[in-house]
Amino acid sequence: MNNAVLIGIAGGTGSGKSTIADEIYSSFSHECIAMIQQDMYYKDQSHLTIEERVKTNYDHPRAFDNDLMIEHLKALIKGEGIEKPIYDFEKHNRSKETVTVNPKRIIIVEGILVLEDERIRKLLDIKVYVDTDADIRILRRLVRDIDERGRTVDSVIQQYLTVVRPMHMQFIEPTKRHADIIVPEGGQNKVAIDILASKIKDILK
């Protein structure tokens, strides 16, 4: 199983990277493809009170347990299964439950800072950056955080202005230069999705 191919899909919050990853994942038999989401690898915060957890800057590289993620990616490459963590965004903490992920020929690695850590980049065979205008990204994040994460409009806007945008400019946007492929407009770009799917089909042959 040491011939596993890792495809990294990065980009700003609300860029559409998850949509692209999900569409590609759904296009293939789950016998040959696996998904690793970086936002499941936020650090455990059990040692903090809920008031302290709420203040976590989820858009900073230090928020992620990249050591565990890299350990898991290397295990999958070697043909070993892993127990992928689950992050509960309402409790702002890692869940006690995990998801078993078995090694597959194709492994999609998706997240805002997948291309930021050099150690992760070195494990990736194909590096994709999803590039979407900021106004579209903030609207998508607003809807997601309200519908899926129990947030209020005011809290999402405040977080975007004080944390998300500055972190995007400092840490996420610069990772574009590491990408092999830059995809404009995220999940709306059907041509790019088809090209990526065709590349995966070639790999699987």
C-alpha atoms as a PDB file:
ATOM      1  CA  MET A   1       0.000   0.000   0.000  1.00  0.00           C
ATOM      2  CA  ASN A   2       3.060   2.256  -0.189  1.00  0.00           C
ATOM      3  CA  ASN A   3       1.853   3.461  -3.611  1.00  0.00           C
ATOM      4  CA  ALA A   4      -0.999   5.494  -2.105  1.00  0.00           C
ATOM      5  CA  VAL A   5      -1.525   8.870  -3.781  1.00  0.00           C
ATOM      6  CA  LEU A   6      -2.268  11.876  -1.547  1.00  0.00           C
ATOM      7  CA  ILE A   7      -4.171  14.835  -2.986  1.00  0.00           C
ATOM      8  CA  GLY A   8      -4.145  18.007  -0.883  1.00  0.00           C
ATOM      9  CA  ILE A   9      -7.008  20.491  -1.371  1.00  0.00           C
ATOM     10  CA  ALA A  10      -6.491  23.823   0.402  1.00  0.00           C
ATOM     11  CA  GLY A  11      -8.002  27.310   0.294  1.00  0.00           C
ATOM     12  CA  GLY A  12      -9.682  29.918   2.449  1.00  0.00           C
ATOM     13  CA  THR A  13     -12.774  29.391   4.543  1.00  0.00           C
ATOM     14  CA  GLY A  14     -15.840  29.151   2.298  1.00  0.00           C
ATOM     15  CA  SER A  15     -13.718  28.843  -0.835  1.00  0.00           C
ATOM     16  CA  GLY A  16     -15.457  25.644  -1.928  1.00  0.00           C
ATOM     17  CA  LYS A  17     -12.578  23.257  -1.189  1.00  0.00           C
ATOM     18  CA  SER A  18     -14.853  20.953   0.809  1.00  0.00           C
ATOM     19  CA  THR A  19     -17.349  20.885  -2.066  1.00  0.00           C
ATOM     20  CA  ILE A  20     -14.610  19.895  -4.509  1.00  0.00           C
ATOM     21  CA  ALA A  21     -13.259  17.255  -2.123  1.00  0.00           C
ATOM     22  CA  ASP A  22     -16.758  15.841  -1.524  1.00  0.00           C
ATOM     23  CA  GLU A  23     -17.612  15.719  -5.227  1.00  0.00           C
ATOM     24  CA  ILE A  24     -14.399  13.904  -6.080  1.00  0.00           C
ATOM     25  CA  TYR A  25     -14.844  11.535  -3.141  1.00  0.00           C
ATOM     26  CA  SER A  26     -18.402  10.751  -4.214  1.00  0.00           C
ATOM     27  CA  SER A  27     -17.313  10.068  -7.797  1.00  0.00           C
ATOM     28  CA  PHE A  28     -15.300   6.988  -6.878  1.00  0.00           C
ATOM     29  CA  SER A  29     -15.870   3.720  -5.102  1.00  0.00           C
ATOM     30  CA  HIS A  30     -15.131   4.066  -1.416  1.00  0.00           C
ATOM     31  CA  GLU A  31     -13.053   0.931  -1.797  1.00  0.00           C
ATOM     32  CA  CYS A  32     -10.353   3.010  -3.460  1.00  0.00           C
ATOM     33  CA  ILE A  33     -10.608   6.493  -1.911  1.00  0.00           C
ATOM     34  CA  ALA A  34     -10.471   7.976   1.602  1.00  0.00           C
ATOM     35  CA  MET A  35     -10.968  11.479   3.001  1.00  0.00           C
ATOM     36  CA  ILE A  36      -8.977  13.237   5.719  1.00  0.00           C
ATOM     37  CA  GLN A  37     -10.381  16.628   6.816  1.00  0.00           C
ATOM     38  CA  GLN A  38      -7.897  18.902   8.559  1.00  0.00           C
ATOM     39  CA  ASP A  39     -10.600  20.522  10.691  1.00  0.00           C
ATOM     40  CA  MET A  40     -11.099  17.205  12.477  1.00  0.00           C
ATOM     41  CA  TYR A  41      -7.534  17.631  13.743  1.00  0.00           C
ATOM     42  CA  TYR A  42      -8.011  20.723  15.872  1.00  0.00           C
ATOM     43  CA  LYS A  43      -6.217  20.242  19.166  1.00  0.00           C
ATOM     44  CA  ASP A  44      -7.987  18.674  22.116  1.00  0.00           C
ATOM     45  CA  GLN A  45      -9.146  21.419  24.509  1.00  0.00           C
ATOM     46  CA  SER A  46     -10.431  19.335  27.410  1.00  0.00           C
ATOM     47  CA  HIS A  47      -8.097  21.182  29.763  1.00  0.00           C
ATOM     48  CA  LEU A  48      -9.858  24.502  29.026  1.00  0.00           C
ATOM     49  CA  THR A  49     -13.203  25.854  30.217  1.00  0.00           C
ATOM     50  CA  ILE A  50     -15.909  26.414  27.611  1.00  0.00           C
ATOM     51  CA  GLU A  51     -15.345  30.174  27.988  1.00  0.00           C
ATOM     52  CA  GLU A  52     -11.676  29.712  27.142  1.00  0.00           C
ATOM     53  CA  ARG A  53     -12.398  27.352  24.247  1.00  0.00           C
ATOM     54  CA  VAL A  54     -14.709  29.891  22.589  1.00  0.00           C
ATOM     55  CA  LYS A  55     -11.717  32.222  22.226  1.00  0.00           C
ATOM     56  CA  THR A  56      -9.746  29.685  20.155  1.00  0.00           C
ATOM     57  CA  ASN A  57      -8.348  31.071  16.914  1.00  0.00           C
ATOM     58  CA  TYR A  58      -9.289  28.228  14.570  1.00  0.00           C
ATOM     59  CA  ASP A  59      -7.609  29.906  11.599  1.00  0.00           C
ATOM     60  CA  HIS A  60      -4.101  29.899  13.079  1.00  0.00           C
ATOM     61  CA  PRO A  61      -1.686  27.041  12.301  1.00  0.00           C
ATOM     62  CA  ARG A  62      -1.141  26.445  16.028  1.00  0.00           C
ATOM     63  CA  ALA A  63      -4.815  25.439  16.422  1.00  0.00           C
ATOM     64  CA  PHE A  64      -4.140  22.182  14.571  1.00  0.00           C
ATOM     65  CA  ASP A  65      -2.646  18.960  15.869  1.00  0.00           C
ATOM     66  CA  ASN A  66      -0.519  18.532  12.763  1.00  0.00           C
ATOM     67  CA  ASP A  67       1.733  16.020  14.515  1.00  0.00           C
ATOM     68  CA  LEU A  68      -1.198  13.620  14.862  1.00  0.00           C
ATOM     69  CA  MET A  69      -2.396  14.314  11.331  1.00  0.00           C
ATOM     70  CA  ILE A  70       1.053  13.608   9.876  1.00  0.00           C
ATOM     71  CA  GLU A  71       1.311  10.445  11.951  1.00  0.00           C
ATOM     72  CA  HIS A  72      -2.029   9.298  10.537  1.00  0.00           C
ATOM     73  CA  LEU A  73      -1.136  10.171   6.940  1.00  0.00           C
ATOM     74  CA  LYS A  74       2.127   8.242   7.193  1.00  0.00           C
ATOM     75  CA  ALA A  75       0.247   5.270   8.651  1.00  0.00           C
ATOM     76  CA  LEU A  76      -2.217   5.298   5.738  1.00  0.00           C
ATOM     77  CA  ILE A  77       0.651   5.505   3.254  1.00  0.00           C
ATOM     78  CA  LYS A  78       2.202   2.433   4.904  1.00  0.00           C
ATOM     79  CA  GLY A  79      -1.080   0.553   4.596  1.00  0.00           C
ATOM     80  CA  GLU A  80      -2.205   0.901   8.203  1.00  0.00           C
ATOM     81  CA  GLY A  81      -5.678   1.952   9.350  1.00  0.00           C
ATOM     82  CA  ILE A  82      -6.215   4.942  11.658  1.00  0.00           C
ATOM     83  CA  GLU A  83      -8.793   6.305  14.083  1.00  0.00           C
ATOM     84  CA  LYS A  84      -9.597   9.765  12.705  1.00  0.00           C
ATOM     85  CA  PRO A  85     -10.695  12.227  15.402  1.00  0.00           C
ATOM     86  CA  ILE A  86     -14.049  14.007  15.344  1.00  0.00           C
ATOM     87  CA  TYR A  87     -14.246  17.676  16.342  1.00  0.00           C
ATOM     88  CA  ASP A  88     -17.407  19.061  17.957  1.00  0.00           C
ATOM     89  CA  PHE A  89     -17.678  22.727  16.967  1.00  0.00           C
ATOM     90  CA  GLU A  90     -20.539  23.437  19.338  1.00  0.00           C
ATOM     91  CA  LYS A  91     -18.505  22.220  22.326  1.00  0.00           C
ATOM     92  CA  HIS A  92     -15.280  23.615  20.855  1.00  0.00           C
ATOM     93  CA  ASN A  93     -13.522  20.379  21.649  1.00  0.00           C
ATOM     94  CA  ARG A  94     -12.526  17.021  20.235  1.00  0.00           C
ATOM     95  CA  SER A  95     -15.150  14.329  20.642  1.00  0.00           C
ATOM     96  CA  LYS A  96     -14.393  11.103  22.486  1.00  0.00           C
ATOM     97  CA  GLU A  97     -15.581   9.227  19.397  1.00  0.00           C
ATOM     98  CA  THR A  98     -13.421   8.534  16.341  1.00  0.00           C
ATOM     99  CA  VAL A  99     -13.928   7.265  12.787  1.00  0.00           C
ATOM    100  CA  THR A 100     -11.990   4.303  11.448  1.00  0.00           C
ATOM    101  CA  VAL A 101     -10.245   5.078   8.150  1.00  0.00           C
ATOM    102  CA  ASN A 102      -8.653   2.207   6.281  1.00  0.00           C
ATOM    103  CA  PRO A 103      -5.777   2.669   3.799  1.00  0.00           C
ATOM    104  CA  LYS A 104      -6.861   3.374   0.219  1.00  0.00           C
ATOM    105  CA  ARG A 105      -5.194   3.955  -3.140  1.00  0.00           C
ATOM    106  CA  ILE A 106      -6.320   7.608  -3.173  1.00  0.00           C
ATOM    107  CA  ILE A 107      -6.350   9.799  -0.056  1.00  0.00           C
ATOM    108  CA  ILE A 108      -7.854  13.289  -0.206  1.00  0.00           C
ATOM    109  CA  VAL A 109      -6.473  15.675   2.420  1.00  0.00           C
ATOM    110  CA  GLU A 110      -8.692  18.761   2.725  1.00  0.00           C
ATOM    111  CA  GLY A 111      -8.339  21.885   4.875  1.00  0.00           C
ATOM    112  CA  ILE A 112      -7.548  25.590   5.004  1.00  0.00           C
ATOM    113  CA  LEU A 113      -3.894  25.092   5.949  1.00  0.00           C
ATOM    114  CA  VAL A 114      -3.066  21.776   4.272  1.00  0.00           C
ATOM    115  CA  LEU A 115      -0.327  23.507   2.253  1.00  0.00           C
ATOM    116  CA  GLU A 116       1.038  25.594   5.144  1.00  0.00           C
ATOM    117  CA  ASP A 117       3.032  22.878   6.933  1.00  0.00           C
ATOM    118  CA  GLU A 118       6.058  21.762   4.922  1.00  0.00           C
ATOM    119  CA  ARG A 119       5.893  18.310   6.509  1.00  0.00           C
ATOM    120  CA  ILE A 120       2.385  17.793   5.110  1.00  0.00           C
ATOM    121  CA  ARG A 121       3.309  19.244   1.716  1.00  0.00           C
ATOM    122  CA  LYS A 122       6.096  16.691   1.363  1.00  0.00           C
ATOM    123  CA  LEU A 123       3.564  13.873   1.759  1.00  0.00           C
ATOM    124  CA  LEU A 124       1.250  15.223  -0.953  1.00  0.00           C
ATOM    125  CA  ASP A 125       1.525  14.061  -4.550  1.00  0.00           C
ATOM    126  CA  ILE A 126      -0.917  16.628  -5.940  1.00  0.00           C
ATOM    127  CA  LYS A 127      -1.442  20.034  -4.313  1.00  0.00           C
ATOM    128  CA  VAL A 128      -4.596  22.024  -5.110  1.00  0.00           C
ATOM    129  CA  TYR A 129      -5.485  25.556  -3.976  1.00  0.00           C
ATOM    130  CA  VAL A 130      -9.091  26.724  -4.324  1.00  0.00           C
ATOM    131  CA  ASP A 131      -9.128  30.471  -4.989  1.00  0.00           C
ATOM    132  CA  THR A 132     -12.459  32.248  -4.414  1.00  0.00           C
ATOM    133  CA  ASP A 133     -13.290  35.946  -3.916  1.00  0.00           C
ATOM    134  CA  ALA A 134     -13.508  37.112  -0.293  1.00  0.00           C
ATOM    135  CA  ASP A 135     -17.114  38.354  -0.503  1.00  0.00           C
ATOM    136  CA  ILE A 136     -18.318  34.930  -1.648  1.00  0.00           C
ATOM    137  CA  ARG A 137     -16.269  33.186   1.041  1.00  0.00           C
ATOM    138  CA  ILE A 138     -17.640  35.256   3.936  1.00  0.00           C
ATOM    139  CA  LEU A 139     -21.245  34.680   2.789  1.00  0.00           C
ATOM    140  CA  ARG A 140     -20.659  30.936   2.588  1.00  0.00           C
ATOM    141  CA  ARG A 141     -19.023  30.918   6.033  1.00  0.00           C
ATOM    142  CA  LEU A 142     -21.902  32.931   7.474  1.00  0.00           C
ATOM    143  CA  VAL A 143     -24.455  30.380   6.292  1.00  0.00           C
ATOM    144  CA  ARG A 144     -22.360  27.400   7.384  1.00  0.00           C
ATOM    145  CA  ASP A 145     -21.553  28.650  10.880  1.00  0.00           C
ATOM    146  CA  ILE A 146     -25.168  29.585  11.588  1.00  0.00           C
ATOM    147  CA  ASP A 147     -26.693  26.401  10.163  1.00  0.00           C
ATOM    148  CA  GLU A 148     -24.078  23.845  11.215  1.00  0.00           C
ATOM    149  CA  ARG A 149     -22.221  25.296  14.182  1.00  0.00           C
ATOM    150  CA  GLY A 150     -24.891  27.151  16.148  1.00  0.00           C
ATOM    151  CA  ARG A 151     -23.371  30.616  15.698  1.00  0.00           C
ATOM    152  CA  THR A 152     -25.073  34.021  15.528  1.00  0.00           C
ATOM    153  CA  VAL A 153     -24.715  36.486  12.639  1.00  0.00           C
ATOM    154  CA  ASP A 154     -22.939  39.040  14.826  1.00  0.00           C
ATOM    155  CA  SER A 155     -20.436  36.513  16.171  1.00  0.00           C
ATOM    156  CA  VAL A 156     -19.568  35.242  12.683  1.00  0.00           C
ATOM    157  CA  ILE A 157     -19.036  38.760  11.321  1.00  0.00           C
ATOM    158  CA  GLN A 158     -16.975  39.814  14.350  1.00  0.00           C
ATOM    159  CA  GLN A 159     -14.812  36.700  14.076  1.00  0.00           C
ATOM    160  CA  TYR A 160     -14.312  37.220  10.346  1.00  0.00           C
ATOM    161  CA  LEU A 161     -13.137  40.815  10.724  1.00  0.00           C
ATOM    162  CA  THR A 162     -10.882  40.280  13.731  1.00  0.00           C
ATOM    163  CA  VAL A 163      -9.525  36.769  13.111  1.00  0.00           C
ATOM    164  CA  VAL A 164     -10.511  35.010   9.885  1.00  0.00           C
ATOM    165  CA  ARG A 165      -9.523  37.694   7.378  1.00  0.00           C
ATOM    166  CA  PRO A 166      -6.179  38.583   9.035  1.00  0.00           C
ATOM    167  CA  MET A 167      -5.275  34.894   9.340  1.00  0.00           C
ATOM    168  CA  HIS A 168      -6.242  34.276   5.717  1.00  0.00           C
ATOM    169  CA  MET A 169      -3.952  37.050   4.508  1.00  0.00           C
ATOM    170  CA  GLN A 170      -1.089  35.981   6.775  1.00  0.00           C
ATOM    171  CA  PHE A 171      -1.166  32.194   6.576  1.00  0.00           C
ATOM    172  CA  ILE A 172      -3.580  30.827   3.950  1.00  0.00           C
ATOM    173  CA  GLU A 173      -3.271  33.079   0.891  1.00  0.00           C
ATOM    174  CA  PRO A 174       0.555  32.706   0.770  1.00  0.00           C
ATOM    175  CA  THR A 175       0.237  28.902   0.468  1.00  0.00           C
ATOM    176  CA  LYS A 176      -1.136  29.386  -3.049  1.00  0.00           C
ATOM    177  CA  ARG A 177       2.430  29.461  -4.318  1.00  0.00           C
ATOM    178  CA  HIS A 178       2.901  25.826  -3.279  1.00  0.00           C
ATOM    179  CA  ALA A 179      -0.032  24.573  -5.370  1.00  0.00           C
ATOM    180  CA  ASP A 180       0.325  22.484  -8.508  1.00  0.00           C
ATOM    181  CA  ILE A 181      -3.210  23.466  -9.537  1.00  0.00           C
ATOM    182  CA  ILE A 182      -5.178  26.646  -8.690  1.00  0.00           C
ATOM    183  CA  VAL A 183      -8.957  26.301  -8.994  1.00  0.00           C
ATOM    184  CA  PRO A 184     -11.017  29.518  -9.258  1.00  0.00           C
ATOM    185  CA  GLU A 185     -14.528  29.640  -7.749  1.00  0.00           C
ATOM    186  CA  GLY A 186     -14.428  26.343  -5.910  1.00  0.00           C
ATOM    187  CA  GLY A 187     -17.290  23.876  -6.316  1.00  0.00           C
ATOM    188  CA  GLN A 188     -18.791  25.948  -9.133  1.00  0.00           C
ATOM    189  CA  ASN A 189     -15.818  25.084 -11.337  1.00  0.00           C
ATOM    190  CA  LYS A 190     -17.051  21.841 -12.875  1.00  0.00           C
ATOM    191  CA  VAL A 191     -14.246  21.788 -15.447  1.00  0.00           C
ATOM    192  CA  ALA A 192     -11.572  21.714 -12.746  1.00  0.00           C
ATOM    193  CA  ILE A 193     -13.440  18.989 -10.852  1.00  0.00           C
ATOM    194  CA  ASP A 194     -13.664  16.900 -14.020  1.00  0.00           C
ATOM    195  CA  ILE A 195      -9.936  17.352 -14.675  1.00  0.00           C
ATOM    196  CA  LEU A 196      -9.054  16.227 -11.157  1.00  0.00           C
ATOM    197  CA  ALA A 197     -11.404  13.252 -11.436  1.00  0.00           C
ATOM    198  CA  SER A 198      -9.820  12.272 -14.767  1.00  0.00           C
ATOM    199  CA  LYS A 199      -6.348  12.450 -13.215  1.00  0.00           C
ATOM    200  CA  ILE A 200      -7.470  10.133 -10.421  1.00  0.00           C
ATOM    201  CA  LYS A 201      -8.946   7.697 -12.956  1.00  0.00           C
ATOM    202  CA  ASP A 202      -5.587   7.598 -14.728  1.00  0.00           C
ATOM    203  CA  ILE A 203      -3.852   6.864 -11.420  1.00  0.00           C
ATOM    204  CA  LEU A 204      -6.244   4.033 -10.643  1.00  0.00           C
ATOM    205  CA  LYS A 205      -5.741   2.288 -14.000  1.00  0.00           C
END
